[in-house]
Amino acid sequence: MDGWADAARGAQARGAREGLSLALLEQAIALLRHRKLSVLTGAGISTESGIPDYRGPETKRRARNPIRFQEYLKSDETRARYWARSMVGWERFSKASPNIGHHALARLEAAERLTGLITQNVDRLHQRADHHDVIELHGALAEVRCLQCGTLESRDALQRRLRALNPTLLERSAELAPDGDSDLSEDALRGVRIASCLQCAGALKPNVVFFGENVAPGIVEDAYARVEKSDALLVVGSSLTVFSGYRFVRRAESLGLPIVILNLGPTRGDPHATLTLDSPAGETLDALVQALL
């Protein structure tokens, strides 16, 4: 049996839904073989690295909404709550490692089978898997930006400052939440001190796109260009609920490109897809890439 088929059976054995079959994988392979691909990834590829998402199977249990840009700008209290939760969450988030799905896509890049990888994720796990050409639609939590002067600081450096200001906060245990956040009690949030910009004392913000904030036009155009240069679009681990990712499915459709969506559960893009694979990303993606290389 071919190696990809062995990997596919392994994916089924490790929890892929009944809807995933060798026949569906064969269809995906036939669609994508001999084509240069653009790839869009979302949170579903990183959940297997221990990073929660907003819209996966666990979302209803957590019942948690992302922070909104205007609220963050206007409220000192909101910023304090964010940095307290981020300080605790960063300890685990920053230690996450890329999984088999990230490594599979890096192999596709190394084989020169991609026009580019577009990610909605802010965890930089693709880069840790030695993927080099990554368009970060929403930025990355590894950097912090001053809202007043624009100075960048590494998140690790800020973490050291936050720990010095709040020496007992890390003693709190908390569940990791999406985007490096954590769930802390109201009691834990009292008296939290937040750090300011070292250059101008302005307010700091993670260098990511919050809900209600727009992706920079240049980044969007670069991502569109990668899709337009490709022969097919592969979407991995995204519900495509927000427009920032969904737009690339619509662009691929307008170009007549085959669209394959690999995601656990339905997505907004399913009506536009040539083929959907309802499965966890890692093992299934590994099987797919084995067959394509």
Foldseek 3Di string as FASTA:
>chain_A
DDPLVVLQVVQVVVDWDPLDDVVQLVVVLVQQAPWQEEEEEECLQCVVLVADDCDDPCNVVVVDDFDADVCCVPDPLVVLLFVLQLLQLCVPLLPGAHAQLLLLVQVCVVVVRYLAYEYCDQSCNNVNSVRDGYQHQWYHQQWKAFPPPGDIDGPVVQSVVQCVQPVCSNVDDFRRHHPSGTDDDPVSSPPRDHAADPPPRGHMDRSTATPVGHGDPVSLVVSLVRLVPIQAYEYEADLCPDVSPVVSLVSNLVVVHAYEYEHQDHHPSVVSHPHYRNTRRRSNSNSSSSSND
